[in-house]
Amino acid sequence: MASSDSRHPGIPDAPRPGRHWAGFSLDRPLVMGILNVTPDSFSDGGRSFDMGAAISHGLRLAANGADIIDVGGESTRPGSAPVPPEEEQRRVLPVIDALVRQHVVLSVDTRNAATMHAALDTGARIVNDVSGLAHDPDAASVVAAHGCPAVLMHMRGTPATMNSLAQYDDVVSEVRAELAAVLDRALETGIRRDRITLDPGIGFAKLPEHSIAVLRGLPSLVALGQPLLVGVSRKGFIGRLSGEPQADRRIGGSLAAGLFALAGGASILRVHDVTETVQAIRVWQALTESGTVLLPHSGVRV
């Protein structure tokens, strides 16, 4: 990315780590589509809880341009109760199996080592752990043994307790230090550095003002040297900034925040609204990158 200029005023255009991850080139932003196989997620509240509906929705996300589909069977919204690994697997494994058969690249969104192991054996390629491998003492060894890519997120406490732990003197510095510790622990357990993507955990143990500060401070987190995944889609801080209380009506705010995250150096966006995000990224890239742009439907160069 070029540095900030008149094409993108006021937003620092931070470089992303130039490498490959999970079989993808990070020369362009990746889109991870969210597939919640849960009855109680904060944004889509059970719409894909039925197995058939979940499989159909996953296929739509892939057809609409998602590079990766993130399948989760446990809601991690603030205040949510844990789901036993057996129930979590009952929800997600048939969906993973069906989508893998259609050549969809999948990550499993789980804190539980047993679910990680079962999902990877079923064909998932990536582990996405909101606890940064801290929830289950066996999780890191499962990831290391499989040699799989992993997304390790910053969170304090658990979904049930994290809001009470959203207390910071300097949120960017503290999130950076805590993510660095997550990275060090993963490396010490034998997980390869080139397998690791970090996630600053927007909205997890963070009040809206903390999430906004972390997004503004993304270049500091990019300096840790790992790709960053950022999940801003439909989150509470967007509702606070936009005045929109209904999560599934925050598409516009989600796109704005996502593009801001990419300008700050994020490599992957985790989103609900794949079609709109893919379109926004394509236009944003065309406008911010130097050189001639070919308008594909007209053959006109501008």
Protein backbone atom coordinates (compact mmCIF):
# COMPACT_ATOMS: atom_id res chain seq x y z
CA MET A 1 0.00 0.00 0.00
CA ALA A 2 1.11 3.52 -0.66
CA SER A 3 1.34 6.06 2.13
CA SER A 4 -1.60 8.32 2.86
CA ASP A 5 -2.22 10.92 0.17
CA SER A 6 -5.04 12.94 -1.37
CA ARG A 7 -6.76 9.80 -2.57
CA HIS A 8 -7.30 8.61 0.97
CA PRO A 9 -7.09 11.70 3.17
CA GLY A 10 -6.66 11.37 6.91
CA ILE A 11 -6.23 7.58 6.99
CA PRO A 12 -2.76 6.08 7.50
CA ASP A 13 -2.18 3.49 4.78
CA ALA A 14 -0.10 0.91 6.65
CA PRO A 15 1.73 -1.92 4.89
CA ARG A 16 0.44 -5.46 5.37
CA PRO A 17 2.90 -8.31 5.85
CA GLY A 18 3.75 -9.55 2.35
CA ARG A 19 3.41 -13.31 2.60
CA HIS A 20 1.13 -16.27 2.11
CA TRP A 21 -1.17 -17.72 4.75
CA ALA A 22 -3.43 -20.79 4.64
CA GLY A 23 -2.68 -21.22 0.95
CA PHE A 24 -3.69 -17.66 0.07
CA SER A 25 -1.57 -14.76 -1.09
CA LEU A 26 -1.89 -11.75 1.18
CA ASP A 27 -1.07 -9.40 -1.67
CA ARG A 28 -4.80 -8.68 -1.62
CA PRO A 29 -7.24 -8.54 1.30
CA LEU A 30 -9.06 -11.78 2.10
CA VAL A 31 -12.73 -12.03 3.04
CA MET A 32 -13.83 -14.54 5.68
CA GLY A 33 -17.59 -15.16 5.68
CA ILE A 34 -19.33 -15.82 9.00
CA LEU A 35 -21.47 -18.95 9.31
CA ASN A 36 -22.99 -19.23 12.78
CA VAL A 37 -24.65 -22.60 13.40
CA THR A 38 -26.09 -21.33 16.67
CA PRO A 39 -29.51 -20.33 18.00
CA ASP A 40 -28.29 -17.16 19.74
CA SER A 41 -25.61 -15.22 17.85
CA PHE A 42 -25.78 -11.47 18.37
CA SER A 43 -26.40 -10.53 14.73
CA ASP A 44 -28.11 -13.38 12.92
CA GLY A 45 -29.77 -15.10 15.90
CA GLY A 46 -30.38 -18.63 14.64
CA ARG A 47 -30.96 -18.01 10.94
CA SER A 48 -28.50 -20.77 10.03
CA PHE A 49 -29.15 -23.06 13.01
CA ASP A 50 -30.90 -25.63 10.83
CA MET A 51 -28.27 -27.81 9.14
CA GLY A 52 -29.74 -27.47 5.66
CA ALA A 53 -30.02 -23.72 6.01
CA ALA A 54 -26.45 -23.53 7.27
CA ILE A 55 -25.08 -25.51 4.33
CA SER A 56 -27.05 -23.42 1.84
CA HIS A 57 -25.88 -20.19 3.44
CA GLY A 58 -22.27 -21.36 3.41
CA LEU A 59 -22.46 -22.14 -0.29
CA ARG A 60 -23.97 -18.70 -0.95
CA LEU A 61 -21.16 -17.01 0.96
CA ALA A 62 -18.57 -18.90 -1.10
CA ALA A 63 -20.37 -18.13 -4.38
CA ASN A 64 -20.54 -14.45 -3.40
CA GLY A 65 -16.77 -14.23 -3.07
CA ALA A 66 -15.76 -15.33 0.44
CA ASP A 67 -12.26 -16.80 0.42
CA ILE A 68 -12.86 -18.65 3.69
CA ILE A 69 -16.05 -19.65 5.53
CA ASP A 70 -15.78 -19.53 9.33
CA VAL A 71 -18.10 -22.13 10.88
CA GLY A 72 -18.95 -21.74 14.55
CA GLY A 73 -21.24 -23.67 16.88
CA GLU A 74 -20.92 -21.55 20.02
CA SER A 75 -21.99 -17.94 20.38
CA THR A 76 -19.31 -15.76 21.95
CA ARG A 77 -21.45 -12.64 22.31
CA PRO A 78 -21.06 -10.79 25.63
CA GLY A 79 -22.69 -12.71 28.45
CA SER A 80 -23.16 -15.94 26.49
CA ALA A 81 -22.94 -19.31 28.22
CA PRO A 82 -20.46 -21.98 27.07
CA VAL A 83 -21.61 -24.82 24.81
CA PRO A 84 -20.33 -28.34 25.57
CA PRO A 85 -17.86 -29.56 22.92
CA GLU A 86 -20.11 -32.52 22.11
CA GLU A 87 -23.02 -30.22 21.25
CA GLU A 88 -20.72 -27.85 19.38
CA GLN A 89 -19.49 -30.73 17.23
CA ARG A 90 -23.02 -31.98 16.63
CA ARG A 91 -23.82 -28.57 15.16
CA VAL A 92 -20.75 -27.92 13.04
CA LEU A 93 -19.28 -31.22 11.81
CA PRO A 94 -22.06 -32.11 9.33
CA VAL A 95 -21.92 -28.58 7.92
CA ILE A 96 -18.13 -28.70 7.59
CA ASP A 97 -18.32 -32.11 5.91
CA ALA A 98 -20.91 -30.94 3.38
CA LEU A 99 -19.05 -27.73 2.51
CA VAL A 100 -15.66 -29.41 2.21
CA ARG A 101 -17.21 -31.79 -0.32
CA GLN A 102 -18.01 -28.66 -2.36
CA HIS A 103 -14.36 -27.54 -2.16
CA VAL A 104 -15.05 -24.63 0.20
CA VAL A 105 -12.11 -23.50 2.35
CA LEU A 106 -13.25 -23.62 5.97
CA SER A 107 -12.12 -22.41 9.34
CA VAL A 108 -13.63 -23.66 12.57
CA ASP A 109 -14.50 -20.99 15.14
CA THR A 110 -13.99 -22.79 18.45
CA ARG A 111 -12.23 -22.58 21.82
CA ASN A 112 -12.32 -26.34 22.40
CA ALA A 113 -9.46 -28.68 21.50
CA ALA A 114 -11.75 -31.66 20.87
CA THR A 115 -13.80 -29.64 18.38
CA MET A 116 -10.65 -28.36 16.69
CA HIS A 117 -9.35 -31.90 16.27
CA ALA A 118 -12.67 -33.25 14.96
CA ALA A 119 -13.19 -30.31 12.58
CA LEU A 120 -9.68 -30.56 11.15
CA ASP A 121 -10.13 -34.29 10.64
CA THR A 122 -13.42 -33.54 8.84
CA GLY A 123 -11.69 -31.17 6.44
CA ALA A 124 -11.53 -27.72 8.01
CA ARG A 125 -8.23 -26.04 7.16
CA ILE A 126 -7.96 -23.30 9.80
CA VAL A 127 -8.60 -22.91 13.54
CA ASN A 128 -10.06 -19.58 14.71
CA ASP A 129 -9.90 -19.32 18.51
CA VAL A 130 -11.31 -16.24 20.22
CA SER A 131 -9.39 -17.14 23.38
CA GLY A 132 -6.00 -17.16 21.66
CA LEU A 133 -5.58 -20.85 22.63
CA ALA A 134 -5.97 -19.96 26.32
CA HIS A 135 -9.38 -21.52 27.02
CA ASP A 136 -8.47 -25.18 26.55
CA PRO A 137 -5.04 -26.38 27.74
CA ASP A 138 -4.91 -28.91 24.89
CA ALA A 139 -5.75 -26.46 22.11
CA ALA A 140 -2.21 -25.33 21.28
CA SER A 141 -0.95 -28.91 21.02
CA VAL A 142 -3.80 -29.80 18.64
CA VAL A 143 -2.95 -26.87 16.36
CA ALA A 144 0.77 -27.66 16.52
CA ALA A 145 0.23 -31.37 15.81
CA HIS A 146 -1.98 -30.67 12.80
CA GLY A 147 0.35 -27.94 11.51
CA CYS A 148 -2.71 -25.94 10.54
CA PRO A 149 -3.07 -22.16 10.17
CA ALA A 150 -4.64 -20.45 13.17
CA VAL A 151 -6.26 -17.13 14.02
CA LEU A 152 -5.45 -16.11 17.59
CA MET A 153 -7.60 -13.35 19.06
CA HIS A 154 -7.16 -10.91 21.91
CA MET A 155 -9.74 -11.28 24.65
CA ARG A 156 -9.71 -10.95 28.41
CA GLY A 157 -11.69 -13.46 30.45
CA THR A 158 -14.53 -15.34 28.79
CA PRO A 159 -17.59 -14.20 26.85
CA ALA A 160 -19.48 -14.31 30.15
CA THR A 161 -16.95 -12.11 32.01
CA MET A 162 -15.15 -10.05 29.37
CA ASN A 163 -17.20 -6.87 29.68
CA SER A 164 -16.14 -6.50 33.32
CA LEU A 165 -12.50 -6.65 32.21
CA ALA A 166 -12.71 -3.82 29.66
CA GLN A 167 -10.46 -1.53 31.69
CA TYR A 168 -7.36 -0.01 30.07
CA ASP A 169 -4.94 2.84 30.65
CA ASP A 170 -3.67 2.68 27.05
CA VAL A 171 -5.78 0.19 25.12
CA VAL A 172 -3.58 0.00 22.00
CA SER A 173 -0.37 -0.59 23.95
CA GLU A 174 -2.03 -3.12 26.23
CA VAL A 175 -3.70 -5.04 23.40
CA ARG A 176 -0.38 -5.09 21.55
CA ALA A 177 1.48 -6.43 24.60
CA GLU A 178 -1.18 -9.07 25.27
CA LEU A 179 -1.26 -10.16 21.62
CA ALA A 180 2.54 -10.40 21.66
CA ALA A 181 2.25 -12.72 24.67
CA VAL A 182 -0.35 -14.84 22.81
CA LEU A 183 2.05 -15.08 19.87
CA ASP A 184 4.99 -16.04 22.09
CA ARG A 185 3.01 -18.80 23.82
CA ALA A 186 1.92 -20.21 20.47
CA LEU A 187 5.49 -20.24 19.18
CA GLU A 188 6.71 -21.93 22.36
CA THR A 189 4.25 -24.79 21.82
CA GLY A 190 5.63 -25.47 18.35
CA ILE A 191 3.13 -23.60 16.16
CA ARG A 192 5.00 -22.14 13.20
CA ARG A 193 5.11 -18.38 12.89
CA ASP A 194 3.97 -18.49 9.26
CA ARG A 195 0.81 -20.30 10.36
CA ILE A 196 -0.32 -17.54 12.74
CA THR A 197 -2.69 -14.64 12.11
CA LEU A 198 -3.59 -12.31 14.97
CA ASP A 199 -6.97 -10.71 15.69
CA PRO A 200 -7.25 -7.63 17.96
CA GLY A 201 -10.71 -8.75 19.11
CA ILE A 202 -12.88 -5.76 18.30
CA GLY A 203 -15.74 -5.72 20.82
CA PHE A 204 -14.24 -8.47 23.00
CA ALA A 205 -13.41 -7.08 26.45
CA LYS A 206 -13.59 -3.67 24.81
CA LEU A 207 -16.12 -0.87 25.12
CA PRO A 208 -16.97 1.04 21.92
CA GLU A 209 -14.34 3.67 22.65
CA HIS A 210 -11.73 0.94 23.06
CA SER A 211 -12.67 -0.68 19.76
CA ILE A 212 -12.40 2.66 17.97
CA ALA A 213 -8.96 3.30 19.50
CA VAL A 214 -7.74 -0.16 18.51
CA LEU A 215 -8.87 0.37 14.91
CA ARG A 216 -7.04 3.69 14.81
CA GLY A 217 -3.98 1.96 16.25
CA LEU A 218 -3.85 -1.01 13.86
CA PRO A 219 -0.48 0.00 12.36
CA SER A 220 1.04 -0.57 15.80
CA LEU A 221 -0.36 -4.11 15.83
CA VAL A 222 0.79 -4.79 12.26
CA ALA A 223 4.29 -4.09 13.55
CA LEU A 224 4.12 -7.39 15.48
CA GLY A 225 4.93 -8.93 12.10
CA GLN A 226 1.92 -11.21 11.70
CA PRO A 227 -1.09 -10.82 9.37
CA LEU A 228 -4.09 -9.27 11.08
CA LEU A 229 -7.67 -10.47 10.84
CA VAL A 230 -10.22 -7.84 11.88
CA GLY A 231 -13.88 -8.48 12.63
CA VAL A 232 -15.92 -5.28 12.74
CA SER A 233 -19.05 -6.55 10.99
CA ARG A 234 -22.27 -5.19 12.55
CA LYS A 235 -20.63 -4.66 15.95
CA GLY A 236 -21.80 -2.44 18.76
CA PHE A 237 -19.36 0.41 18.21
CA ILE A 238 -20.82 0.82 14.71
CA GLY A 239 -24.25 1.11 16.25
CA ARG A 240 -22.91 3.71 18.66
CA LEU A 241 -21.27 5.77 15.90
CA SER A 242 -24.14 5.48 13.43
CA GLY A 243 -27.12 5.54 15.76
CA GLU A 244 -28.39 2.22 14.34
CA PRO A 245 -29.55 -0.09 17.16
CA GLN A 246 -30.39 -3.06 14.91
CA ALA A 247 -27.30 -5.16 14.14
CA ASP A 248 -28.38 -6.43 10.71
CA ARG A 249 -28.97 -2.85 9.52
CA ARG A 250 -25.33 -1.82 10.04
CA ILE A 251 -24.02 -2.86 6.62
CA GLY A 252 -22.93 0.63 5.60
CA GLY A 253 -21.09 1.23 8.85
CA SER A 254 -19.50 -2.21 8.64
CA LEU A 255 -18.15 -1.46 5.16
CA ALA A 256 -16.72 1.87 6.30
CA ALA A 257 -15.03 0.32 9.32
CA GLY A 258 -13.74 -2.61 7.28
CA LEU A 259 -12.11 -0.39 4.67
CA PHE A 260 -10.60 1.72 7.46
CA ALA A 261 -9.13 -1.50 8.92
CA LEU A 262 -7.63 -2.44 5.55
CA ALA A 263 -6.08 1.02 5.25
CA GLY A 264 -4.59 0.45 8.70
CA GLY A 265 -2.92 -2.77 7.58
CA ALA A 266 -5.45 -5.56 8.15
CA SER A 267 -5.07 -8.54 5.80
CA ILE A 268 -8.40 -10.32 6.39
CA LEU A 269 -11.92 -9.07 7.11
CA ARG A 270 -14.35 -11.38 8.90
CA VAL A 271 -17.83 -10.34 7.77
CA HIS A 272 -21.51 -11.23 7.57
CA ASP A 273 -22.19 -9.33 4.34
CA VAL A 274 -19.85 -10.94 1.81
CA THR A 275 -21.29 -9.59 -1.45
CA GLU A 276 -21.18 -5.98 -0.29
CA THR A 277 -17.72 -6.35 1.26
CA VAL A 278 -16.18 -7.90 -1.87
CA GLN A 279 -17.63 -5.10 -3.99
CA ALA A 280 -16.41 -2.42 -1.59
CA ILE A 281 -12.88 -3.85 -1.51
CA ARG A 282 -12.68 -4.00 -5.30
CA VAL A 283 -13.73 -0.38 -5.70
CA TRP A 284 -11.54 0.81 -2.80
CA GLN A 285 -8.50 -0.96 -4.25
CA ALA A 286 -9.11 0.44 -7.73
CA LEU A 287 -9.37 3.97 -6.37
CA THR A 288 -6.42 3.82 -3.97
CA GLU A 289 -3.89 1.94 -6.07
CA SER A 290 -1.82 3.84 -8.61
CA GLY A 291 -1.92 3.07 -12.32
CA THR A 292 -4.55 2.73 -15.00
CA VAL A 293 -7.86 1.12 -14.08
CA LEU A 294 -9.74 -0.98 -16.63
CA LEU A 295 -13.50 -0.73 -16.28
CA PRO A 296 -14.40 -4.38 -16.93
CA HIS A 297 -17.88 -3.96 -18.34
CA SER A 298 -17.00 -1.18 -20.74
CA GLY A 299 -13.38 -1.78 -21.72
CA VAL A 300 -12.67 1.86 -20.85
CA ARG A 301 -9.39 2.73 -19.14
CA VAL A 302 -9.31 5.62 -16.68
